[in-house]
Amino acid sequence: MKTKYSIGILCFTLFGLGACLDDQSSLGDRELSEITISAPHDTLTAYFGEEFVVSDLSVKQSGEELPLAYEWSYGTLNTDENGMASYPIKDSLHIVSHDPELRYAFRELGTFGLRLRVDNGETIRYKYFVLQIDTEFSEGITVLSRDGDGKGRISFMRTLTKEEINTGKVPMFRADIMELINPQTKMEDVTDMVQVNNRLLVCSGEEGRIYNMDSRTFDVEGMTSFKELYPGCAFVKFAGVSANNNIYLVSRDRRGYVYDYGLDELVLTEYFKNLDVDAAVSVDRPVFVNYETSVFYSPSLGGVNSSLNRYVDFNIWGICPVGSSVYVIATYKAMPSYIYLSQTTFSLGNPTILQFYDSPVSLKVNQNSLLTGSKSCSCLYYTCEDGIYYWDLKNRLSTTPVISIPEGMEITSLSMNTDGTLLYVGLYEKDETEALKGHLYIYDVKTSVLVNQYHNIADKPIAIIYKEIIHANHNKWLIQISRNFISDSIYKCPIPRSKKYNIRPSPIKPF
């Protein structure tokens, strides 16, 4: 009897639940007052510790205007490498408000599911959003500059959201990041900056120091000087990323060092100990160059690759990696007017000759030139005294600059954004009357057309990067979340509202 009784209850419950989900349900001889919720955006961005407001919602009822009860809650998205997991919330929902307008300061970083529940006593409607909680400094253009004494400055311009752009907000640089976030830290003799995963690294020369920051917040979490361990180390440039949280650097002692940014440790490996190099090319994988011997090197598993004698008959003027290839600009020692353009890989095997020609004009690239390449546009840019030159990798070098620099300005930094579509040019105006004499000009890589310019935003710029938000598989699964997770659900039940019993339907689990 007890078993039959239990089964009867279960059937009754299931029947009742099914009845509650019937879209044709009515209350007596009238239709239920259904709720609809609409919002202009399904993906929202909030900033850590700042009050976040959602007010531009439209909540309507199809019938009688009944009192509405609101509930805002959020939970951690449950994702995997394929996108949304079968159950999309890892933990229970955290209720943060019962007001029609959400006002709340989130104190967690990450991507979450935000849920709005609206109940009028007859129907319940759910509205879901993807909520990204970042810091004010999580993504945007970052400029490292130095004053006349070598003191470092970080300037930052946050990338605006679509919502902010639509409201007419204009992006602006902040030149006081270090004073704001790390008021007790003074960066001395800064020489280069790079982002690796969720770390932002700045190196210094004479101090042999590496400033290790959280890329999302600019918090300096390490600032170790390695002078005591390696007296000769004086870092010039970050050279490239290796495996296992390692990044290479070139030093003024003409050696290459390896820095573990996870452990904050510096290593001089056996195969780098006797490496004699002038410079390094900054890219995903490093290339170290000795201009005097016309030999360059690239680390390999357990050793180092060398170009050997393949370029000894040439003077190397410029090396620039583009994608998985290394492009070399050189001239023939016996006949300096002969220009040699070649391509090789990071294994530094036999090069492919791209162009070999006798030029009637002088070569507009030298060992002081700044070079940067774009895989997506199959080109590279390089600097000379009279401007910036463009090289279509399938053609000869240009004889005239594609970008002219305003008089009185010096090019001090040249780089591109992450997808190689924008060219960042750091400029220094020595005779500028303003305290900050550094400027940033941004050009379209395909057309060399000036897109934006920002004046007096830094000291002398030495490194400009686009600092990204680093999420595991972020780009891969966020689109799927936006398609699959952002949806409305409705719960309806023809149970009469009773003043005596105040009967209201219980919410269905949203997932």
Protein backbone atom coordinates (compact mmCIF):
# COMPACT_ATOMS: atom_id res chain seq x y z
CA MET A 1 0.00 0.00 0.00
CA LYS A 2 2.81 2.36 0.84
CA THR A 3 4.47 1.70 -2.54
CA LYS A 4 1.24 2.25 -4.45
CA TYR A 5 0.65 5.42 -2.48
CA SER A 6 4.13 6.75 -3.34
CA ILE A 7 3.71 5.96 -7.04
CA GLY A 8 0.35 7.71 -7.00
CA ILE A 9 1.89 10.82 -5.50
CA LEU A 10 4.69 10.77 -8.09
CA CYS A 11 2.25 10.45 -10.97
CA PHE A 12 0.12 13.22 -9.54
CA THR A 13 3.22 15.41 -9.20
CA LEU A 14 4.35 14.76 -12.75
CA PHE A 15 0.85 15.37 -14.07
CA GLY A 16 0.65 18.58 -12.12
CA LEU A 17 4.04 19.70 -13.39
CA GLY A 18 3.03 18.98 -16.95
CA ALA A 19 -0.14 20.95 -16.46
CA CYS A 20 1.89 23.85 -15.14
CA LEU A 21 3.99 23.86 -18.31
CA ASP A 22 1.00 23.79 -20.68
CA ASP A 23 1.15 26.97 -22.77
CA GLN A 24 -2.63 26.93 -23.10
CA SER A 25 -3.18 27.09 -19.34
CA SER A 26 -5.79 29.53 -18.13
CA LEU A 27 -7.21 30.77 -14.88
CA GLY A 28 -10.89 29.97 -15.01
CA ASP A 29 -12.14 31.50 -18.22
CA ARG A 30 -9.23 33.95 -18.74
CA GLU A 31 -5.71 33.51 -19.92
CA LEU A 32 -2.83 33.81 -17.49
CA SER A 33 -0.93 37.06 -17.49
CA GLU A 34 2.30 36.06 -19.17
CA ILE A 35 5.58 37.89 -18.59
CA THR A 36 8.03 38.87 -21.32
CA ILE A 37 11.54 40.22 -20.69
CA SER A 38 13.71 41.88 -23.29
CA ALA A 39 17.16 43.41 -23.05
CA PRO A 40 19.39 45.16 -25.60
CA HIS A 41 22.40 42.96 -24.76
CA ASP A 42 22.80 39.33 -23.71
CA THR A 43 26.50 39.54 -22.86
CA LEU A 44 27.35 41.99 -20.08
CA THR A 45 30.64 43.26 -18.68
CA ALA A 46 31.12 44.36 -15.08
CA TYR A 47 34.27 45.59 -13.36
CA PHE A 48 35.60 44.18 -10.14
CA GLY A 49 34.53 46.16 -7.06
CA GLU A 50 32.60 48.76 -9.06
CA GLU A 51 28.81 49.08 -8.85
CA PHE A 52 27.29 47.32 -11.85
CA VAL A 53 23.90 48.51 -13.05
CA VAL A 54 21.39 46.75 -15.30
CA SER A 55 18.47 49.11 -15.84
CA ASP A 56 17.58 48.99 -19.54
CA LEU A 57 15.22 46.04 -19.33
CA SER A 58 11.68 45.83 -20.62
CA VAL A 59 9.31 43.70 -18.52
CA LYS A 60 5.73 43.40 -19.81
CA GLN A 61 2.62 41.39 -18.94
CA SER A 62 0.14 40.11 -21.50
CA GLY A 63 -2.93 40.48 -19.31
CA GLU A 64 -3.70 41.98 -15.91
CA GLU A 65 -0.87 44.11 -14.51
CA LEU A 66 -0.01 42.06 -11.47
CA PRO A 67 2.60 42.83 -8.78
CA LEU A 68 6.01 41.61 -9.87
CA ALA A 69 8.68 39.96 -7.71
CA TYR A 70 12.29 40.13 -8.96
CA GLU A 71 15.31 38.00 -8.16
CA TRP A 72 18.83 38.51 -9.56
CA SER A 73 21.36 35.72 -9.07
CA TYR A 74 24.56 34.45 -10.64
CA GLY A 75 26.72 31.33 -10.78
CA THR A 76 29.94 30.08 -12.32
CA LEU A 77 29.62 28.78 -15.84
CA ASN A 78 30.49 25.14 -16.26
CA THR A 79 32.47 24.91 -19.49
CA ASP A 80 34.92 22.50 -21.05
CA GLU A 81 37.14 22.51 -24.14
CA ASN A 82 34.10 21.92 -26.35
CA GLY A 83 32.10 24.81 -24.95
CA MET A 84 29.15 24.58 -22.60
CA ALA A 85 29.03 21.50 -20.40
CA SER A 86 25.85 19.47 -20.08
CA TYR A 87 25.08 21.21 -16.79
CA PRO A 88 26.12 24.84 -17.32
CA ILE A 89 26.38 26.02 -13.69
CA LYS A 90 29.10 24.69 -11.41
CA ASP A 91 27.69 25.89 -8.13
CA SER A 92 24.44 27.10 -6.63
CA LEU A 93 23.17 30.49 -7.67
CA HIS A 94 24.08 33.44 -5.46
CA ILE A 95 21.15 35.83 -4.95
CA VAL A 96 22.31 39.46 -5.07
CA SER A 97 19.16 41.58 -5.46
CA HIS A 98 15.35 41.63 -5.40
CA ASP A 99 14.98 44.98 -7.12
CA PRO A 100 13.78 45.53 -10.70
CA GLU A 101 17.06 47.34 -11.40
CA LEU A 102 20.24 45.43 -10.58
CA ARG A 103 22.84 47.42 -8.65
CA TYR A 104 25.65 45.31 -7.30
CA ALA A 105 29.45 45.38 -6.93
CA PHE A 106 30.83 41.97 -7.91
CA ARG A 107 34.03 40.86 -6.18
CA GLU A 108 34.94 37.85 -8.30
CA LEU A 109 36.85 37.78 -11.58
CA GLY A 110 35.74 35.49 -14.39
CA THR A 111 32.82 34.64 -16.66
CA PHE A 112 29.48 33.82 -15.01
CA GLY A 113 25.86 33.12 -15.77
CA LEU A 114 23.55 35.90 -14.60
CA ARG A 115 19.87 35.04 -14.08
CA LEU A 116 16.85 37.30 -13.67
CA ARG A 117 13.70 35.67 -12.28
CA VAL A 118 10.41 37.59 -12.53
CA ASP A 119 7.22 36.27 -10.86
CA ASN A 120 3.71 37.76 -10.99
CA GLY A 121 1.94 34.97 -9.05
CA GLU A 122 0.63 33.33 -12.20
CA THR A 123 3.72 32.95 -14.35
CA ILE A 124 7.44 33.02 -13.82
CA ARG A 125 9.89 34.14 -16.45
CA TYR A 126 13.67 33.61 -16.47
CA LYS A 127 16.14 35.68 -18.42
CA TYR A 128 19.81 34.63 -18.69
CA PHE A 129 22.93 36.61 -19.51
CA VAL A 130 26.62 35.88 -19.89
CA LEU A 131 28.37 38.11 -17.35
CA GLN A 132 32.08 38.84 -17.67
CA ILE A 133 33.63 40.37 -14.57
CA ASP A 134 36.96 41.98 -15.32
CA THR A 135 39.09 44.70 -13.83
CA GLU A 136 39.28 48.21 -15.19
CA PHE A 137 42.72 47.31 -16.52
CA SER A 138 42.05 43.87 -17.99
CA GLU A 139 42.31 44.69 -21.71
CA GLY A 140 43.64 47.58 -23.74
CA ILE A 141 46.68 49.31 -25.21
CA THR A 142 49.60 49.41 -22.78
CA VAL A 143 52.63 51.67 -23.21
CA LEU A 144 55.92 51.35 -21.32
CA SER A 145 58.01 54.52 -21.39
CA ARG A 146 61.00 55.97 -19.57
CA ASP A 147 62.00 59.48 -18.59
CA GLY A 148 65.46 61.02 -18.86
CA ASP A 149 66.62 59.19 -15.74
CA GLY A 150 65.36 55.81 -16.92
CA LYS A 151 62.40 55.73 -14.54
CA GLY A 152 59.58 53.65 -15.96
CA ARG A 153 55.99 54.71 -16.58
CA ILE A 154 53.03 52.58 -17.64
CA SER A 155 50.22 54.23 -19.59
CA PHE A 156 47.02 52.33 -20.32
CA MET A 157 43.88 52.86 -22.40
CA ARG A 158 41.07 50.42 -21.70
CA THR A 159 39.18 48.90 -24.61
CA LEU A 160 35.55 49.98 -24.31
CA THR A 161 32.64 47.57 -24.47
CA LYS A 162 30.03 47.82 -27.23
CA GLU A 163 27.61 49.16 -24.67
CA GLU A 164 30.02 51.94 -23.70
CA ILE A 165 30.72 52.80 -27.32
CA ASN A 166 27.00 53.00 -28.06
CA THR A 167 26.58 55.52 -25.26
CA GLY A 168 29.20 57.75 -26.84
CA LYS A 169 31.99 57.10 -24.32
CA VAL A 170 35.48 57.97 -25.61
CA PRO A 171 38.56 55.88 -24.65
CA MET A 172 41.30 57.74 -22.84
CA PHE A 173 44.81 56.98 -21.63
CA ARG A 174 45.79 56.90 -17.98
CA ALA A 175 49.46 57.69 -17.50
CA ASP A 176 49.57 57.08 -13.74
CA ILE A 177 49.13 53.29 -13.53
CA MET A 178 52.19 52.66 -11.36
CA GLU A 179 51.36 55.48 -8.95
CA LEU A 180 47.78 54.26 -8.74
CA ILE A 181 48.36 50.51 -8.33
CA ASN A 182 51.91 50.28 -6.99
CA PRO A 183 52.65 53.61 -5.28
CA GLN A 184 55.67 52.24 -3.41
CA THR A 185 57.31 50.71 -6.49
CA LYS A 186 59.70 52.65 -8.71
CA MET A 187 60.75 50.97 -11.96
CA GLU A 188 64.37 51.86 -12.76
CA ASP A 189 66.21 51.71 -16.11
CA VAL A 190 63.32 49.96 -17.88
CA THR A 191 64.12 48.44 -21.27
CA ASP A 192 61.22 46.24 -22.45
CA MET A 193 57.75 44.87 -21.68
CA VAL A 194 55.82 41.76 -22.72
CA GLN A 195 52.61 39.92 -21.81
CA VAL A 196 52.86 36.15 -21.34
CA ASN A 197 49.55 34.46 -20.46
CA ASN A 198 48.26 36.27 -17.36
CA ARG A 199 51.61 37.90 -16.53
CA LEU A 200 52.91 41.31 -17.54
CA LEU A 201 56.71 41.47 -17.40
CA VAL A 202 58.98 44.53 -17.45
CA CYS A 203 62.76 44.17 -17.49
CA SER A 204 65.48 46.62 -16.49
CA GLY A 205 69.07 47.09 -17.54
CA GLU A 206 71.67 47.92 -14.92
CA GLU A 207 69.58 46.51 -12.07
CA GLY A 208 69.13 43.17 -13.83
CA ARG A 209 65.61 43.21 -12.47
CA ILE A 210 62.32 41.78 -13.71
CA TYR A 211 59.02 43.28 -12.56
CA ASN A 212 56.40 40.52 -12.58
CA MET A 213 52.79 41.75 -12.59
CA ASP A 214 49.28 40.34 -12.77
CA SER A 215 48.26 41.38 -16.28
CA ARG A 216 44.65 41.97 -15.21
CA THR A 217 45.40 44.37 -12.38
CA PHE A 218 48.98 45.69 -12.85
CA ASP A 219 49.79 44.49 -9.32
CA VAL A 220 53.56 44.01 -9.01
CA GLU A 221 53.93 40.58 -7.38
CA GLY A 222 57.68 40.20 -7.91
CA MET A 223 60.57 42.54 -8.64
CA THR A 224 63.65 40.40 -8.26
CA SER A 225 67.14 41.65 -9.16
CA PHE A 226 69.38 38.86 -10.45
CA LYS A 227 72.62 40.84 -10.23
CA GLU A 228 73.90 38.89 -7.25
CA LEU A 229 73.36 35.57 -9.04
CA TYR A 230 74.60 36.77 -12.45
CA PRO A 231 76.67 39.96 -12.07
CA GLY A 232 76.80 40.53 -15.82
CA CYS A 233 73.08 40.45 -16.49
CA ALA A 234 71.62 43.72 -17.71
CA PHE A 235 68.50 43.00 -19.71
CA VAL A 236 67.97 44.64 -23.10
CA LYS A 237 64.94 42.87 -24.53
CA PHE A 238 62.55 39.96 -24.11
CA ALA A 239 63.34 37.57 -26.93
CA GLY A 240 60.60 34.97 -27.05
CA VAL A 241 58.54 32.42 -25.20
CA SER A 242 59.56 28.86 -24.46
CA ALA A 243 57.66 26.02 -22.82
CA ASN A 244 56.94 25.58 -19.12
CA ASN A 245 56.43 29.25 -18.21
CA ASN A 246 59.84 30.27 -19.62
CA ILE A 247 60.74 33.39 -21.58
CA TYR A 248 64.11 34.33 -23.10
CA LEU A 249 65.98 37.60 -22.65
CA VAL A 250 69.10 39.09 -24.22
CA SER A 251 71.53 40.92 -21.94
CA ARG A 252 74.20 43.59 -22.34
CA ASP A 253 76.78 40.92 -21.49
CA ARG A 254 75.86 39.44 -24.92
CA ARG A 255 74.25 36.36 -23.43
CA GLY A 256 70.80 34.87 -23.56
CA TYR A 257 68.99 34.12 -20.30
CA VAL A 258 65.85 32.13 -19.49
CA TYR A 259 63.33 33.46 -16.97
CA ASP A 260 60.66 31.29 -15.34
CA TYR A 261 57.85 33.77 -14.73
CA GLY A 262 55.90 31.25 -12.63
CA LEU A 263 58.73 30.61 -10.15
CA ASP A 264 60.45 34.00 -10.57
CA GLU A 265 63.79 32.34 -11.35
CA LEU A 266 66.55 33.17 -13.84
CA VAL A 267 68.73 30.53 -15.51
CA LEU A 268 71.81 30.74 -17.74
CA THR A 269 71.74 27.45 -19.59
CA GLU A 270 74.88 25.68 -20.77
CA TYR A 271 74.21 26.28 -24.45
CA PHE A 272 73.62 30.00 -23.84
CA LYS A 273 76.62 30.51 -21.58
CA ASN A 274 79.08 31.17 -24.41
CA LEU A 275 76.57 32.69 -26.81
CA ASP A 276 77.94 35.98 -28.20
CA VAL A 277 75.09 38.06 -29.60
CA ASP A 278 74.27 41.71 -30.25
CA ALA A 279 70.50 41.62 -30.15
CA ALA A 280 67.41 39.48 -30.15
CA VAL A 281 64.24 39.50 -32.17
CA SER A 282 61.10 39.49 -30.04
CA VAL A 283 58.56 36.92 -31.15
CA ASP A 284 56.84 33.77 -29.94
CA ARG A 285 60.16 31.98 -30.51
CA PRO A 286 63.46 33.80 -30.04
CA VAL A 287 66.17 34.60 -32.57
CA PHE A 288 69.52 35.91 -31.31
CA VAL A 289 71.79 37.80 -33.76
CA ASN A 290 75.52 38.48 -34.03
CA TYR A 291 75.79 41.18 -36.69
CA GLU A 292 79.60 41.11 -36.82
CA THR A 293 79.83 37.43 -37.74
CA SER A 294 76.52 37.38 -39.67
CA VAL A 295 75.33 34.41 -37.64
CA PHE A 296 72.04 34.07 -35.80
CA TYR A 297 70.71 31.47 -33.40
CA SER A 298 67.44 29.92 -32.27
CA PRO A 299 67.04 27.63 -29.24
CA SER A 300 66.06 24.03 -29.87
CA LEU A 301 65.28 21.10 -27.62
CA GLY A 302 68.42 20.58 -25.55
CA GLY A 303 70.59 22.94 -27.60
CA VAL A 304 70.65 25.76 -30.07
CA ASN A 305 70.18 26.06 -33.85
CA SER A 306 72.66 28.17 -35.82
CA SER A 307 72.62 29.70 -39.28
CA LEU A 308 76.27 28.54 -39.47
CA ASN A 309 78.05 29.95 -42.56
CA ARG A 310 74.92 30.47 -44.64
CA TYR A 311 75.10 34.26 -44.29
CA VAL A 312 78.82 34.87 -43.74
CA ASP A 313 79.15 36.47 -47.19
CA PHE A 314 76.46 38.97 -46.32
CA ASN A 315 75.95 41.89 -43.97
CA ILE A 316 72.73 41.32 -42.05
CA TRP A 317 70.70 44.53 -41.59
CA GLY A 318 67.36 43.26 -40.42
CA ILE A 319 65.72 40.05 -39.19
CA CYS A 320 62.00 39.80 -38.58
CA PRO A 321 59.89 36.69 -37.83
CA VAL A 322 56.46 36.63 -39.47
CA GLY A 323 54.35 33.66 -38.48
CA SER A 324 56.50 30.52 -38.62
CA SER A 325 59.09 32.09 -40.96
CA VAL A 326 62.15 34.25 -40.35
CA TYR A 327 62.81 36.96 -42.95
CA VAL A 328 66.30 38.34 -43.47
CA ILE A 329 67.35 41.60 -45.15
CA ALA A 330 71.03 41.62 -46.09
CA THR A 331 73.57 42.98 -48.58
CA TYR A 332 76.41 41.15 -50.35
CA LYS A 333 79.77 42.02 -48.73
CA ALA A 334 81.69 41.93 -52.02
CA MET A 335 79.14 44.14 -53.77
CA PRO A 336 77.20 46.17 -51.15
CA SER A 337 74.66 47.35 -53.70
CA TYR A 338 73.35 43.80 -54.08
CA ILE A 339 70.34 43.26 -51.79
CA TYR A 340 69.52 39.78 -50.58
CA LEU A 341 66.03 38.98 -49.25
CA SER A 342 65.55 35.49 -47.89
CA GLN A 343 63.26 33.34 -45.78
CA THR A 344 64.06 30.52 -43.38
CA THR A 345 62.42 28.71 -40.47
CA PHE A 346 63.25 28.71 -36.77
CA SER A 347 65.37 25.60 -37.31
CA LEU A 348 67.59 27.95 -39.40
CA GLY A 349 68.09 25.53 -42.27
CA ASN A 350 68.95 26.46 -45.85
CA PRO A 351 67.17 29.73 -46.72
CA THR A 352 64.78 30.35 -49.58
CA ILE A 353 65.86 33.25 -51.80
CA LEU A 354 62.99 35.67 -52.23
CA GLN A 355 64.78 38.52 -54.03
CA PHE A 356 68.40 39.06 -55.05
CA TYR A 357 68.94 42.23 -57.00
CA ASP A 358 71.27 45.14 -57.65
CA SER A 359 69.62 48.21 -56.16
CA PRO A 360 70.30 51.66 -57.63
CA VAL A 361 69.27 53.26 -54.34
CA SER A 362 70.69 52.96 -50.87
CA LEU A 363 69.19 50.40 -48.54
CA LYS A 364 66.72 52.05 -46.17
CA VAL A 365 67.23 49.63 -43.30
CA ASN A 366 70.10 49.30 -40.85
CA GLN A 367 70.92 47.58 -37.57
CA ASN A 368 69.20 50.38 -35.64
CA SER A 369 65.97 49.96 -37.59
CA LEU A 370 62.87 48.77 -35.77
CA LEU A 371 61.02 45.94 -37.55
CA THR A 372 57.64 44.31 -37.00
CA GLY A 373 55.70 41.89 -39.18
CA SER A 374 52.12 40.82 -39.84
CA LYS A 375 51.26 37.25 -40.80
CA SER A 376 47.67 38.15 -41.66
CA CYS A 377 48.78 40.87 -44.10
CA SER A 378 51.98 39.09 -45.26
CA CYS A 379 54.15 42.15 -44.79
CA LEU A 380 56.52 43.88 -42.45
CA TYR A 381 57.29 47.48 -41.55
CA TYR A 382 60.68 48.94 -40.68
CA THR A 383 61.98 52.36 -39.70
CA CYS A 384 64.55 54.67 -41.20
CA GLU A 385 65.50 58.28 -40.46
CA ASP A 386 63.02 59.63 -43.00
CA GLY A 387 60.00 57.53 -41.97
CA ILE A 388 58.50 54.06 -41.96
CA TYR A 389 58.89 51.66 -44.88
CA TYR A 390 56.65 48.83 -46.02
CA TRP A 391 57.77 45.48 -47.43
CA ASP A 392 55.27 43.25 -49.18
CA LEU A 393 57.00 39.93 -48.59
CA LYS A 394 56.37 38.86 -52.18
CA ASN A 395 57.97 41.95 -53.71
CA ARG A 396 61.09 44.10 -53.55
CA LEU A 397 61.78 46.64 -50.85
CA SER A 398 60.11 50.01 -51.24
CA THR A 399 62.28 53.01 -52.06
CA THR A 400 60.10 55.64 -50.39
CA PRO A 401 58.49 55.66 -46.94
CA VAL A 402 54.78 54.88 -46.72
CA ILE A 403 54.49 56.77 -43.43
CA SER A 404 56.10 60.15 -42.81
CA ILE A 405 56.72 61.25 -39.26
CA PRO A 406 55.93 64.81 -38.13
CA GLU A 407 58.96 67.06 -37.89
CA GLY A 408 60.61 67.11 -34.49
CA MET A 409 59.45 63.59 -33.57
CA GLU A 410 61.58 60.47 -33.17
CA ILE A 411 60.31 56.89 -33.64
CA THR A 412 61.15 54.99 -30.47
CA SER A 413 58.85 51.97 -30.65
CA LEU A 414 57.26 49.90 -33.42
CA SER A 415 54.85 47.00 -32.90
CA MET A 416 51.49 45.56 -33.92
CA ASN A 417 48.30 44.45 -32.24
CA THR A 418 47.70 40.73 -31.68
CA ASP A 419 46.09 39.97 -35.05
CA GLY A 420 48.52 42.09 -37.08
CA THR A 421 45.97 44.57 -38.42
CA LEU A 422 47.09 47.73 -36.58
CA LEU A 423 50.56 49.27 -36.46
CA TYR A 424 51.56 50.97 -33.20
CA VAL A 425 54.15 53.73 -33.57
CA GLY A 426 55.62 55.23 -30.41
CA LEU A 427 56.96 58.76 -30.92
CA TYR A 428 59.05 61.07 -28.76
CA GLU A 429 59.04 64.83 -29.18
CA LYS A 430 62.11 66.19 -27.42
CA ASP A 431 61.12 69.88 -27.67
CA GLU A 432 57.53 69.34 -26.58
CA THR A 433 56.55 71.85 -23.89
CA GLU A 434 54.26 69.38 -22.08
CA ALA A 435 55.66 67.26 -19.27
CA LEU A 436 54.83 64.04 -21.15
CA LYS A 437 56.54 64.13 -24.52
CA GLY A 438 55.53 60.69 -25.78
CA HIS A 439 52.82 60.06 -28.37
CA LEU A 440 51.12 57.06 -29.98
CA TYR A 441 50.09 56.92 -33.63
CA ILE A 442 48.03 53.96 -34.87
CA TYR A 443 47.93 52.97 -38.56
CA ASP A 444 45.98 50.45 -40.60
CA VAL A 445 48.48 47.75 -41.63
CA LYS A 446 46.94 47.08 -45.05
CA THR A 447 46.65 50.71 -46.14
CA SER A 448 49.21 52.54 -43.92
CA VAL A 449 46.45 55.07 -43.21
CA LEU A 450 46.48 56.87 -39.85
CA VAL A 451 43.60 55.56 -37.73
CA ASN A 452 44.12 57.29 -34.36
CA GLN A 453 46.65 59.48 -32.60
CA TYR A 454 47.14 60.10 -28.89
CA HIS A 455 49.40 62.92 -27.75
CA ASN A 456 51.27 63.45 -24.49
CA ILE A 457 50.36 60.06 -23.01
CA ALA A 458 53.82 58.83 -21.97
CA ASP A 459 57.50 59.63 -21.55
CA LYS A 460 59.76 58.16 -24.27
CA PRO A 461 57.84 55.04 -25.47
CA ILE A 462 59.98 51.89 -25.58
CA ALA A 463 57.35 49.12 -25.78
CA ILE A 464 53.71 49.14 -26.87
CA ILE A 465 51.47 46.08 -26.67
CA TYR A 466 47.81 45.23 -26.79
CA LYS A 467 47.23 43.63 -23.41
CA GLU A 468 44.62 40.89 -23.72
CA ILE A 469 42.22 39.20 -21.35
CA ILE A 470 43.50 35.69 -20.87
CA HIS A 471 40.74 33.08 -20.40
CA ALA A 472 41.20 29.39 -20.98
CA ASN A 473 39.55 28.59 -24.32
CA HIS A 474 37.86 32.01 -24.09
CA ASN A 475 37.35 32.67 -27.77
CA LYS A 476 36.46 29.05 -28.42
CA TRP A 477 33.53 28.65 -26.12
CA LEU A 478 32.16 32.14 -25.52
CA ILE A 479 30.32 32.16 -28.86
CA GLN A 480 28.68 28.87 -28.04
CA ILE A 481 27.67 30.17 -24.65
CA SER A 482 26.11 33.20 -26.24
CA ARG A 483 24.11 30.97 -28.59
CA ASN A 484 23.09 28.17 -26.27
CA PHE A 485 22.99 29.58 -22.79
CA ILE A 486 21.30 32.92 -23.39
CA SER A 487 17.67 31.98 -23.48
CA ASP A 488 14.44 32.64 -21.73
CA SER A 489 12.38 30.09 -19.87
CA ILE A 490 8.82 30.40 -18.70
CA TYR A 491 6.91 28.68 -15.97
CA LYS A 492 3.10 28.90 -15.94
CA CYS A 493 0.56 27.31 -13.65
CA PRO A 494 -3.24 27.74 -13.44
CA ILE A 495 -3.36 27.84 -9.68
CA PRO A 496 -5.64 30.57 -8.35
CA ARG A 497 -4.01 33.26 -6.28
CA SER A 498 -5.48 33.12 -2.82
CA LYS A 499 -5.23 35.82 -0.14
CA LYS A 500 -5.82 33.13 2.46
CA TYR A 501 -3.17 30.69 1.31
CA ASN A 502 -1.03 32.89 -0.95
CA ILE A 503 -0.37 29.92 -3.16
CA ARG A 504 2.39 30.46 -5.73
CA PRO A 505 4.13 28.03 -8.07
CA SER A 506 7.60 26.86 -7.13
CA PRO A 507 10.31 27.60 -9.69
CA ILE A 508 11.62 24.89 -11.90
CA LYS A 509 15.37 24.38 -11.77
CA PRO A 510 16.70 26.48 -14.61
CA PHE A 511 19.03 23.85 -15.97
